[in-house]
């Protein structure tokens, strides 16, 4: 199947996902999904994150006749509980207190909606990384919160920024934690005529 790479669509407004695709010098457009994530449910968090990625890919794909849609969704899970985006600084502080010195999991669901002549083929997958945090104290948490970086971040931290100072080690893909497991791109995109090794 031949699909021109100008029809590669990122179904996300995330600056981190956009940055990762830009690092690969890919020619793509950004078209965020408008689905209401609250209307979707699943028995397990891992199933929900995969479902949301798929629904985002299908939603954006409905606007194209020939394209490859990439969608993703990321959650942080600690002791079986999903840690979403904090409502305020107090909620972020509580999350970071719980995570101190402990392990948690970051799941990113990724979906590819391959559309040729208005006919979609959906491929979805999930990737997981384990994050072990340093044993930091309350004062350091407040220092981190003062940066404002925690806002709009699942788990109240951003591993690509100041939040990296809170992390002791990771097992799995760093990019899964950022929100886009790029190794999955290498598994799928070359099959559809998308060249990944472009000259800069």
Foldseek 3Di string as FASTA:
>chain_A
DAADQLQEEEQDPDPLVVVVVVVLVGNYYYHHADDDLVVDDDPAPLVSQQVVQQVSQVRVLQVDQFHKYKGKGKWKADPRDTQFQDPDLVRLLVLLQVQAQHKIKMKMKMKIWGHHRNDTDIDIDMFMKMWGWHNDDSVVSVVVVVVVQQGRAGSSAACVPPSVNGTDDMGGDPVSSSHDPCVVCVVPVVVHVGDRNDDD
